[in-house]
Amino acid sequence: MSLIMRILPLLLPALLLVGCAKGTDDLRDWVSEIRQREPEPIDPIPPIRTPEIVAYDAMDLRDPFQGTRGRTEEEEEVASEEGGGLRPDPDRRKEYLEGFPLDTLSMVGTIELEGVEYALIQDNENVVHRVREGNYMGQNHGLVTDVLSDQVEVRELVQDGRGGWTERRVRVAMAED
């Protein structure tokens, strides 16, 4: 029995090679037959159609993407003169956490340094940042108004669709494990 077990690994590759000995004669015959055939004609390229030219006649009409919503021209002028109420400061330098949407930020703890309460905010890259009252975070001009032990309160300024700004209160709560 042990003699058969020793010879079998030597015979098996030889048997497999015998099965591959047929060759490629049939492949060569098929290629030569295909080359002898007359080539089939190629379909012509379809002609290019000229698009219909349409004149734009609505240049004098109100732009549908400008939010006047019932305001007259006089009301628009008064709103622009008054400053329109709330609005973000365009000259303020953006803080790092304003590059992240608020829903990707999570509070992971608090720390008190020299009498100032800081919230520890983790961004979506798993980097933890210190935030205190007066800092900004989120993409909607979010001002941190209060740091509590379990949440951070943020006041956001969002556009109201009429060219003005409205205030929205948001909370970033402590992350649950």
N, C-alpha and C. Protein backbone atom coordinates (compact mmCIF):
# COMPACT_ATOMS: atom_id res chain seq x y z
N MET A 1 0.82 -1.19 0.00
CA MET A 1 0.00 0.00 0.00
C MET A 1 0.86 1.26 0.00
N SER A 2 1.95 1.23 0.67
CA SER A 2 2.81 2.39 0.73
C SER A 2 3.50 2.64 -0.61
N LEU A 3 3.72 1.59 -1.42
CA LEU A 3 4.32 1.76 -2.74
C LEU A 3 3.38 2.53 -3.66
N ILE A 4 2.10 2.25 -3.62
CA ILE A 4 1.11 2.95 -4.43
C ILE A 4 1.02 4.42 -4.01
N MET A 5 1.10 4.68 -2.74
CA MET A 5 1.03 6.05 -2.25
C MET A 5 2.25 6.86 -2.69
N ARG A 6 3.38 6.22 -2.85
CA ARG A 6 4.58 6.92 -3.31
C ARG A 6 4.55 7.17 -4.83
N ILE A 7 4.02 6.25 -5.58
CA ILE A 7 3.99 6.36 -7.05
C ILE A 7 2.86 7.28 -7.51
N LEU A 8 1.74 7.30 -6.82
CA LEU A 8 0.57 8.08 -7.22
C LEU A 8 0.88 9.57 -7.42
N PRO A 9 1.62 10.26 -6.53
CA PRO A 9 1.94 11.68 -6.79
C PRO A 9 2.80 11.88 -8.04
N LEU A 10 3.56 10.86 -8.46
CA LEU A 10 4.36 10.99 -9.67
C LEU A 10 3.54 10.73 -10.92
N LEU A 11 2.55 9.84 -10.84
CA LEU A 11 1.73 9.49 -12.00
C LEU A 11 0.64 10.53 -12.28
N LEU A 12 0.13 11.17 -11.27
CA LEU A 12 -0.98 12.11 -11.45
C LEU A 12 -0.61 13.28 -12.36
N PRO A 13 0.51 13.97 -12.20
CA PRO A 13 0.86 15.05 -13.14
C PRO A 13 1.06 14.54 -14.57
N ALA A 14 1.61 13.34 -14.72
CA ALA A 14 1.82 12.78 -16.06
C ALA A 14 0.48 12.54 -16.74
N LEU A 15 -0.51 12.04 -16.00
CA LEU A 15 -1.84 11.81 -16.57
C LEU A 15 -2.50 13.13 -16.97
N LEU A 16 -2.31 14.19 -16.19
CA LEU A 16 -2.90 15.49 -16.51
C LEU A 16 -2.27 16.07 -17.78
N LEU A 17 -0.98 15.88 -17.96
CA LEU A 17 -0.32 16.40 -19.15
C LEU A 17 -0.74 15.66 -20.41
N VAL A 18 -1.07 14.39 -20.30
CA VAL A 18 -1.53 13.62 -21.45
C VAL A 18 -2.86 14.17 -21.95
N GLY A 19 -3.71 14.66 -21.05
CA GLY A 19 -5.00 15.23 -21.44
C GLY A 19 -4.84 16.55 -22.20
N CYS A 20 -3.73 17.24 -22.04
CA CYS A 20 -3.50 18.53 -22.70
C CYS A 20 -2.74 18.38 -24.01
N ALA A 21 -2.47 17.17 -24.44
CA ALA A 21 -1.62 16.94 -25.61
C ALA A 21 -2.35 17.09 -26.94
N LYS A 22 -3.62 17.43 -26.92
CA LYS A 22 -4.41 17.51 -28.15
C LYS A 22 -3.83 18.55 -29.11
N GLY A 23 -3.38 19.70 -28.59
CA GLY A 23 -2.77 20.70 -29.45
C GLY A 23 -3.75 21.81 -29.80
N THR A 24 -3.31 22.65 -30.73
CA THR A 24 -4.11 23.82 -31.10
C THR A 24 -4.40 23.85 -32.60
N ASP A 25 -4.39 22.69 -33.20
CA ASP A 25 -4.65 22.62 -34.65
C ASP A 25 -6.04 23.13 -35.01
N ASP A 26 -7.04 22.79 -34.21
CA ASP A 26 -8.40 23.25 -34.51
C ASP A 26 -8.52 24.77 -34.41
N LEU A 27 -7.78 25.38 -33.50
CA LEU A 27 -7.79 26.83 -33.35
C LEU A 27 -7.15 27.50 -34.58
N ARG A 28 -6.04 26.96 -35.04
CA ARG A 28 -5.39 27.51 -36.23
C ARG A 28 -6.29 27.40 -37.45
N ASP A 29 -6.99 26.27 -37.59
CA ASP A 29 -7.91 26.09 -38.73
C ASP A 29 -9.02 27.13 -38.70
N TRP A 30 -9.58 27.39 -37.52
CA TRP A 30 -10.69 28.36 -37.38
C TRP A 30 -10.21 29.77 -37.72
N VAL A 31 -9.02 30.17 -37.25
CA VAL A 31 -8.49 31.50 -37.53
C VAL A 31 -8.25 31.67 -39.02
N SER A 32 -7.69 30.66 -39.68
CA SER A 32 -7.44 30.78 -41.12
C SER A 32 -8.76 30.85 -41.90
N GLU A 33 -9.79 30.14 -41.45
CA GLU A 33 -11.10 30.20 -42.10
C GLU A 33 -11.72 31.60 -41.96
N ILE A 34 -11.62 32.21 -40.80
CA ILE A 34 -12.15 33.55 -40.57
C ILE A 34 -11.41 34.57 -41.43
N ARG A 35 -10.11 34.47 -41.56
CA ARG A 35 -9.33 35.41 -42.37
C ARG A 35 -9.64 35.30 -43.87
N GLN A 36 -10.08 34.15 -44.32
CA GLN A 36 -10.39 33.96 -45.74
C GLN A 36 -11.76 34.52 -46.11
N ARG A 37 -12.62 34.77 -45.14
CA ARG A 37 -13.96 35.31 -45.42
C ARG A 37 -13.87 36.74 -45.93
N GLU A 38 -14.88 37.12 -46.71
CA GLU A 38 -14.99 38.51 -47.19
C GLU A 38 -15.47 39.37 -46.02
N PRO A 39 -14.82 40.52 -45.77
CA PRO A 39 -15.25 41.37 -44.63
C PRO A 39 -16.64 41.95 -44.87
N GLU A 40 -17.39 42.10 -43.78
CA GLU A 40 -18.74 42.67 -43.85
C GLU A 40 -18.64 44.18 -43.87
N PRO A 41 -19.56 44.84 -44.59
CA PRO A 41 -19.49 46.32 -44.65
C PRO A 41 -19.84 46.93 -43.29
N ILE A 42 -19.23 48.08 -43.01
CA ILE A 42 -19.46 48.81 -41.76
C ILE A 42 -20.57 49.83 -42.01
N ASP A 43 -21.49 49.95 -41.06
CA ASP A 43 -22.58 50.92 -41.18
C ASP A 43 -22.00 52.33 -41.22
N PRO A 44 -22.58 53.21 -42.04
CA PRO A 44 -22.07 54.59 -42.09
C PRO A 44 -22.41 55.33 -40.80
N ILE A 45 -21.62 56.37 -40.53
CA ILE A 45 -21.85 57.20 -39.35
C ILE A 45 -23.12 58.00 -39.56
N PRO A 46 -24.03 58.03 -38.57
CA PRO A 46 -25.27 58.81 -38.76
C PRO A 46 -24.96 60.30 -38.87
N PRO A 47 -25.75 61.03 -39.63
CA PRO A 47 -25.49 62.47 -39.79
C PRO A 47 -25.73 63.22 -38.48
N ILE A 48 -25.00 64.31 -38.29
CA ILE A 48 -25.15 65.13 -37.09
C ILE A 48 -26.32 66.06 -37.30
N ARG A 49 -27.26 66.03 -36.35
CA ARG A 49 -28.43 66.90 -36.44
C ARG A 49 -28.13 68.25 -35.81
N THR A 50 -28.51 69.30 -36.46
CA THR A 50 -28.32 70.65 -35.92
C THR A 50 -29.45 70.92 -34.92
N PRO A 51 -29.09 71.37 -33.69
CA PRO A 51 -30.14 71.62 -32.70
C PRO A 51 -30.98 72.84 -33.08
N GLU A 52 -32.22 72.80 -32.62
CA GLU A 52 -33.13 73.92 -32.87
C GLU A 52 -32.71 75.12 -32.02
N ILE A 53 -32.63 76.27 -32.61
CA ILE A 53 -32.23 77.48 -31.90
C ILE A 53 -33.48 78.13 -31.32
N VAL A 54 -33.42 78.41 -30.00
CA VAL A 54 -34.56 78.98 -29.31
C VAL A 54 -34.12 80.31 -28.71
N ALA A 55 -34.91 81.34 -28.93
CA ALA A 55 -34.59 82.66 -28.37
C ALA A 55 -35.13 82.75 -26.95
N TYR A 56 -34.34 83.32 -26.04
CA TYR A 56 -34.74 83.49 -24.64
C TYR A 56 -35.42 84.84 -24.51
N ASP A 57 -36.72 84.82 -24.20
CA ASP A 57 -37.51 86.05 -24.16
C ASP A 57 -37.81 86.53 -22.75
N ALA A 58 -37.27 85.89 -21.72
CA ALA A 58 -37.65 86.20 -20.35
C ALA A 58 -36.61 87.05 -19.62
N MET A 59 -35.79 87.76 -20.35
CA MET A 59 -34.74 88.56 -19.69
C MET A 59 -35.31 89.67 -18.82
N ASP A 60 -36.45 90.23 -19.19
CA ASP A 60 -37.02 91.34 -18.43
C ASP A 60 -37.90 90.89 -17.27
N LEU A 61 -38.18 89.61 -17.17
CA LEU A 61 -39.02 89.10 -16.09
C LEU A 61 -38.21 88.92 -14.81
N ARG A 62 -38.92 88.77 -13.69
CA ARG A 62 -38.27 88.58 -12.39
C ARG A 62 -37.54 87.24 -12.36
N ASP A 63 -36.35 87.25 -11.76
CA ASP A 63 -35.57 86.03 -11.62
C ASP A 63 -36.26 85.12 -10.61
N PRO A 64 -36.62 83.90 -10.98
CA PRO A 64 -37.35 83.03 -10.05
C PRO A 64 -36.50 82.58 -8.86
N PHE A 65 -35.19 82.76 -8.93
CA PHE A 65 -34.33 82.32 -7.85
C PHE A 65 -34.03 83.43 -6.85
N GLN A 66 -34.54 84.62 -7.07
CA GLN A 66 -34.39 85.71 -6.11
C GLN A 66 -35.63 85.73 -5.25
N GLY A 67 -35.46 85.70 -3.94
CA GLY A 67 -36.58 85.56 -3.02
C GLY A 67 -37.22 86.87 -2.64
N THR A 68 -38.11 87.39 -3.46
CA THR A 68 -38.81 88.61 -3.07
C THR A 68 -40.09 88.27 -2.32
N ARG A 69 -40.75 87.21 -2.66
CA ARG A 69 -41.96 86.70 -2.00
C ARG A 69 -42.91 87.80 -1.54
N GLY A 70 -43.42 88.52 -2.46
CA GLY A 70 -44.44 89.50 -2.13
C GLY A 70 -43.93 90.86 -1.71
N ARG A 71 -42.63 91.06 -1.62
CA ARG A 71 -42.11 92.36 -1.26
C ARG A 71 -42.14 93.27 -2.49
N THR A 72 -42.47 94.51 -2.23
CA THR A 72 -42.42 95.50 -3.31
C THR A 72 -40.99 96.02 -3.40
N GLU A 73 -40.70 96.78 -4.44
CA GLU A 73 -39.36 97.34 -4.59
C GLU A 73 -39.02 98.28 -3.43
N GLU A 74 -40.04 99.01 -2.93
CA GLU A 74 -39.80 99.92 -1.81
C GLU A 74 -39.43 99.13 -0.55
N GLU A 75 -40.14 98.02 -0.30
CA GLU A 75 -39.82 97.19 0.86
C GLU A 75 -38.42 96.59 0.74
N GLU A 76 -38.03 96.21 -0.48
CA GLU A 76 -36.69 95.67 -0.70
C GLU A 76 -35.63 96.72 -0.36
N GLU A 77 -35.87 97.97 -0.79
CA GLU A 77 -34.92 99.04 -0.52
C GLU A 77 -34.81 99.31 0.98
N VAL A 78 -35.96 99.32 1.69
CA VAL A 78 -35.95 99.55 3.13
C VAL A 78 -35.19 98.42 3.84
N ALA A 79 -35.43 97.18 3.41
CA ALA A 79 -34.75 96.04 4.04
C ALA A 79 -33.26 96.11 3.82
N SER A 80 -32.83 96.52 2.63
CA SER A 80 -31.40 96.60 2.36
C SER A 80 -30.76 97.77 3.12
N GLU A 81 -31.51 98.89 3.30
CA GLU A 81 -30.97 100.02 4.05
C GLU A 81 -30.85 99.72 5.53
N GLU A 82 -31.83 98.97 6.07
CA GLU A 82 -31.84 98.64 7.49
C GLU A 82 -30.82 97.55 7.82
N GLY A 83 -30.33 96.87 6.81
CA GLY A 83 -29.40 95.78 7.07
C GLY A 83 -30.11 94.46 7.19
N GLY A 84 -31.44 94.44 7.11
CA GLY A 84 -32.18 93.19 7.11
C GLY A 84 -32.18 92.46 8.43
N GLY A 85 -31.80 93.06 9.53
CA GLY A 85 -31.84 92.40 10.83
C GLY A 85 -30.61 91.54 11.05
N LEU A 86 -30.84 90.29 11.47
CA LEU A 86 -29.74 89.36 11.74
C LEU A 86 -28.96 89.07 10.47
N ARG A 87 -27.67 88.95 10.60
CA ARG A 87 -26.83 88.50 9.49
C ARG A 87 -25.46 88.15 10.06
N PRO A 88 -24.77 87.18 9.44
CA PRO A 88 -23.43 86.82 9.91
C PRO A 88 -22.42 87.91 9.57
N ASP A 89 -21.37 87.96 10.33
CA ASP A 89 -20.31 88.94 10.10
C ASP A 89 -19.41 88.42 8.98
N PRO A 90 -19.40 89.08 7.82
CA PRO A 90 -18.60 88.58 6.70
C PRO A 90 -17.09 88.75 6.92
N ASP A 91 -16.70 89.64 7.84
CA ASP A 91 -15.28 89.90 8.07
C ASP A 91 -14.68 89.01 9.16
N ARG A 92 -15.54 88.24 9.86
CA ARG A 92 -15.05 87.39 10.95
C ARG A 92 -14.27 86.21 10.37
N ARG A 93 -13.14 85.91 10.99
CA ARG A 93 -12.33 84.78 10.55
C ARG A 93 -13.00 83.47 10.97
N LYS A 94 -13.15 82.54 10.03
CA LYS A 94 -13.80 81.26 10.33
C LYS A 94 -12.93 80.41 11.25
N GLU A 95 -13.58 79.70 12.17
CA GLU A 95 -12.87 78.79 13.06
C GLU A 95 -12.86 77.39 12.44
N TYR A 96 -11.98 76.53 12.93
CA TYR A 96 -11.76 75.22 12.33
C TYR A 96 -13.03 74.37 12.30
N LEU A 97 -13.79 74.36 13.41
CA LEU A 97 -14.98 73.50 13.49
C LEU A 97 -16.13 74.00 12.62
N GLU A 98 -16.00 75.16 12.00
CA GLU A 98 -17.03 75.63 11.08
C GLU A 98 -16.94 74.92 9.74
N GLY A 99 -15.93 74.11 9.55
CA GLY A 99 -15.79 73.32 8.33
C GLY A 99 -16.55 72.02 8.39
N PHE A 100 -17.19 71.71 9.52
CA PHE A 100 -17.90 70.45 9.69
C PHE A 100 -19.38 70.72 9.91
N PRO A 101 -20.29 69.92 9.32
CA PRO A 101 -21.70 70.02 9.67
C PRO A 101 -21.90 69.65 11.14
N LEU A 102 -22.88 70.28 11.80
CA LEU A 102 -23.08 70.01 13.22
C LEU A 102 -23.42 68.55 13.50
N ASP A 103 -24.11 67.89 12.57
CA ASP A 103 -24.49 66.51 12.85
C ASP A 103 -23.31 65.54 12.78
N THR A 104 -22.13 66.01 12.34
CA THR A 104 -20.95 65.16 12.35
C THR A 104 -20.07 65.42 13.57
N LEU A 105 -20.46 66.40 14.38
CA LEU A 105 -19.71 66.71 15.61
C LEU A 105 -20.42 66.10 16.80
N SER A 106 -19.65 65.62 17.76
CA SER A 106 -20.28 65.07 18.97
C SER A 106 -19.48 65.51 20.19
N MET A 107 -20.21 65.71 21.27
CA MET A 107 -19.58 66.11 22.52
C MET A 107 -19.13 64.84 23.24
N VAL A 108 -17.87 64.83 23.68
CA VAL A 108 -17.34 63.65 24.36
C VAL A 108 -16.96 63.93 25.81
N GLY A 109 -17.10 65.17 26.27
CA GLY A 109 -16.80 65.48 27.65
C GLY A 109 -16.65 66.97 27.88
N THR A 110 -16.31 67.32 29.11
CA THR A 110 -16.05 68.72 29.46
C THR A 110 -14.77 68.78 30.27
N ILE A 111 -14.19 69.96 30.30
CA ILE A 111 -12.99 70.19 31.09
C ILE A 111 -13.01 71.65 31.54
N GLU A 112 -12.53 71.89 32.76
CA GLU A 112 -12.46 73.26 33.27
C GLU A 112 -11.01 73.64 33.43
N LEU A 113 -10.62 74.73 32.77
CA LEU A 113 -9.25 75.23 32.86
C LEU A 113 -9.29 76.69 33.28
N GLU A 114 -8.65 77.01 34.38
CA GLU A 114 -8.57 78.37 34.91
C GLU A 114 -9.95 79.04 35.02
N GLY A 115 -10.91 78.27 35.49
CA GLY A 115 -12.25 78.80 35.73
C GLY A 115 -13.14 78.87 34.50
N VAL A 116 -12.65 78.42 33.34
CA VAL A 116 -13.45 78.47 32.11
C VAL A 116 -13.86 77.04 31.76
N GLU A 117 -15.17 76.85 31.53
CA GLU A 117 -15.72 75.54 31.18
C GLU A 117 -15.59 75.32 29.68
N TYR A 118 -14.93 74.25 29.28
CA TYR A 118 -14.75 73.89 27.88
C TYR A 118 -15.51 72.60 27.59
N ALA A 119 -16.09 72.51 26.41
CA ALA A 119 -16.67 71.25 25.94
C ALA A 119 -15.64 70.59 25.05
N LEU A 120 -15.55 69.28 25.12
CA LEU A 120 -14.65 68.52 24.26
C LEU A 120 -15.49 67.98 23.10
N ILE A 121 -15.21 68.49 21.91
CA ILE A 121 -16.00 68.15 20.72
C ILE A 121 -15.14 67.31 19.80
N GLN A 122 -15.69 66.16 19.38
CA GLN A 122 -14.98 65.26 18.48
C GLN A 122 -15.53 65.44 17.07
N ASP A 123 -14.65 65.64 16.08
CA ASP A 123 -15.10 65.79 14.70
C ASP A 123 -15.17 64.42 14.03
N ASN A 124 -15.55 64.40 12.75
CA ASN A 124 -15.72 63.11 12.07
C ASN A 124 -14.38 62.46 11.71
N GLU A 125 -13.28 63.13 12.00
CA GLU A 125 -11.95 62.54 11.81
C GLU A 125 -11.37 62.04 13.13
N ASN A 126 -12.22 61.99 14.16
CA ASN A 126 -11.88 61.51 15.51
C ASN A 126 -10.83 62.37 16.21
N VAL A 127 -10.81 63.66 15.87
CA VAL A 127 -9.93 64.61 16.55
C VAL A 127 -10.80 65.37 17.56
N VAL A 128 -10.29 65.54 18.79
CA VAL A 128 -11.05 66.21 19.84
C VAL A 128 -10.57 67.66 19.95
N HIS A 129 -11.54 68.59 20.01
CA HIS A 129 -11.25 70.02 20.08
C HIS A 129 -11.89 70.60 21.34
N ARG A 130 -11.28 71.65 21.92
CA ARG A 130 -11.87 72.37 23.04
C ARG A 130 -12.72 73.51 22.49
N VAL A 131 -13.91 73.64 23.03
CA VAL A 131 -14.83 74.69 22.61
C VAL A 131 -15.39 75.35 23.86
N ARG A 132 -15.46 76.67 23.85
CA ARG A 132 -16.05 77.38 24.97
C ARG A 132 -17.08 78.37 24.44
N GLU A 133 -17.78 78.99 25.36
CA GLU A 133 -18.77 79.98 24.99
C GLU A 133 -18.10 81.10 24.18
N GLY A 134 -18.70 81.42 23.04
CA GLY A 134 -18.14 82.45 22.17
C GLY A 134 -17.43 81.88 20.95
N ASN A 135 -17.11 80.56 20.97
CA ASN A 135 -16.52 79.93 19.79
C ASN A 135 -17.61 79.64 18.76
N TYR A 136 -17.20 79.35 17.55
CA TYR A 136 -18.13 79.01 16.47
C TYR A 136 -17.89 77.59 16.02
N MET A 137 -18.96 76.91 15.63
CA MET A 137 -18.86 75.55 15.09
C MET A 137 -20.06 75.27 14.21
N GLY A 138 -19.91 74.37 13.25
CA GLY A 138 -20.97 74.04 12.31
C GLY A 138 -20.92 74.96 11.10
N GLN A 139 -21.59 74.58 10.05
CA GLN A 139 -21.51 75.29 8.78
C GLN A 139 -22.55 76.40 8.64
N ASN A 140 -23.35 76.64 9.68
CA ASN A 140 -24.38 77.67 9.61
C ASN A 140 -24.11 78.79 10.61
N HIS A 141 -22.86 79.23 10.69
CA HIS A 141 -22.48 80.35 11.56
C HIS A 141 -22.91 80.10 13.00
N GLY A 142 -22.66 78.89 13.50
CA GLY A 142 -23.11 78.49 14.83
C GLY A 142 -22.25 79.04 15.95
N LEU A 143 -22.82 79.92 16.76
CA LEU A 143 -22.14 80.52 17.91
C LEU A 143 -22.47 79.71 19.15
N VAL A 144 -21.43 79.27 19.88
CA VAL A 144 -21.63 78.52 21.12
C VAL A 144 -22.10 79.52 22.17
N THR A 145 -23.33 79.31 22.67
CA THR A 145 -23.89 80.24 23.65
C THR A 145 -23.77 79.72 25.08
N ASP A 146 -23.67 78.39 25.26
CA ASP A 146 -23.58 77.85 26.61
C ASP A 146 -22.94 76.47 26.57
N VAL A 147 -22.07 76.20 27.53
CA VAL A 147 -21.45 74.89 27.67
C VAL A 147 -21.96 74.30 28.97
N LEU A 148 -22.70 73.22 28.88
CA LEU A 148 -23.24 72.52 30.04
C LEU A 148 -22.51 71.19 30.19
N SER A 149 -22.77 70.48 31.27
CA SER A 149 -22.05 69.23 31.51
C SER A 149 -22.44 68.13 30.53
N ASP A 150 -23.65 68.20 29.95
CA ASP A 150 -24.09 67.14 29.05
C ASP A 150 -24.41 67.62 27.64
N GLN A 151 -24.26 68.91 27.36
CA GLN A 151 -24.57 69.42 26.03
C GLN A 151 -23.96 70.80 25.81
N VAL A 152 -23.89 71.17 24.53
CA VAL A 152 -23.44 72.49 24.13
C VAL A 152 -24.60 73.13 23.39
N GLU A 153 -24.95 74.36 23.78
CA GLU A 153 -26.03 75.07 23.10
C GLU A 153 -25.41 76.00 22.06
N VAL A 154 -25.98 75.96 20.84
CA VAL A 154 -25.44 76.70 19.71
C VAL A 154 -26.57 77.51 19.08
N ARG A 155 -26.26 78.76 18.72
CA ARG A 155 -27.21 79.61 17.98
C ARG A 155 -26.70 79.71 16.55
N GLU A 156 -27.49 79.18 15.61
CA GLU A 156 -27.12 79.21 14.20
C GLU A 156 -27.87 80.32 13.48
N LEU A 157 -27.29 80.85 12.44
CA LEU A 157 -27.94 81.80 11.55
C LEU A 157 -28.11 81.12 10.20
N VAL A 158 -29.37 80.97 9.78
CA VAL A 158 -29.65 80.32 8.50
C VAL A 158 -30.48 81.26 7.64
N GLN A 159 -30.32 81.14 6.33
CA GLN A 159 -31.08 82.00 5.43
C GLN A 159 -32.54 81.57 5.43
N ASP A 160 -33.43 82.58 5.38
CA ASP A 160 -34.86 82.28 5.47
C ASP A 160 -35.54 82.14 4.12
N GLY A 161 -34.81 82.23 3.02
CA GLY A 161 -35.40 82.06 1.70
C GLY A 161 -35.92 83.36 1.12
N ARG A 162 -35.90 84.44 1.87
CA ARG A 162 -36.35 85.74 1.38
C ARG A 162 -35.20 86.74 1.33
N GLY A 163 -33.99 86.23 1.39
CA GLY A 163 -32.83 87.10 1.38
C GLY A 163 -32.39 87.54 2.76
N GLY A 164 -33.12 87.13 3.79
CA GLY A 164 -32.78 87.50 5.16
C GLY A 164 -32.22 86.31 5.92
N TRP A 165 -32.01 86.51 7.20
CA TRP A 165 -31.45 85.47 8.07
C TRP A 165 -32.36 85.27 9.26
N THR A 166 -32.40 84.05 9.75
CA THR A 166 -33.18 83.73 10.93
C THR A 166 -32.31 82.93 11.90
N GLU A 167 -32.67 83.04 13.17
CA GLU A 167 -31.91 82.38 14.23
C GLU A 167 -32.51 81.02 14.52
N ARG A 168 -31.64 80.03 14.77
CA ARG A 168 -32.09 78.69 15.10
C ARG A 168 -31.23 78.19 16.25
N ARG A 169 -31.88 77.68 17.29
CA ARG A 169 -31.17 77.14 18.47
C ARG A 169 -30.97 75.64 18.29
N VAL A 170 -29.74 75.17 18.53
CA VAL A 170 -29.40 73.76 18.35
C VAL A 170 -28.60 73.31 19.56
N ARG A 171 -28.70 72.04 19.89
CA ARG A 171 -27.92 71.46 20.98
C ARG A 171 -27.08 70.32 20.44
N VAL A 172 -25.83 70.30 20.86
CA VAL A 172 -24.95 69.15 20.56
C VAL A 172 -24.82 68.41 21.88
N ALA A 173 -25.42 67.23 21.93
CA ALA A 173 -25.49 66.48 23.19
C ALA A 173 -24.28 65.57 23.36
N MET A 174 -24.07 65.15 24.59
CA MET A 174 -22.99 64.24 24.93
C MET A 174 -23.19 62.93 24.17
N ALA A 175 -22.14 62.43 23.57
CA ALA A 175 -22.22 61.17 22.81
C ALA A 175 -22.44 60.01 23.77
N GLU A 176 -23.30 59.09 23.35
CA GLU A 176 -23.58 57.89 24.15
C GLU A 176 -22.70 56.77 23.67
N ASP A 177 -22.14 56.01 24.59
CA ASP A 177 -21.26 54.87 24.22
C ASP A 177 -22.06 53.64 23.94
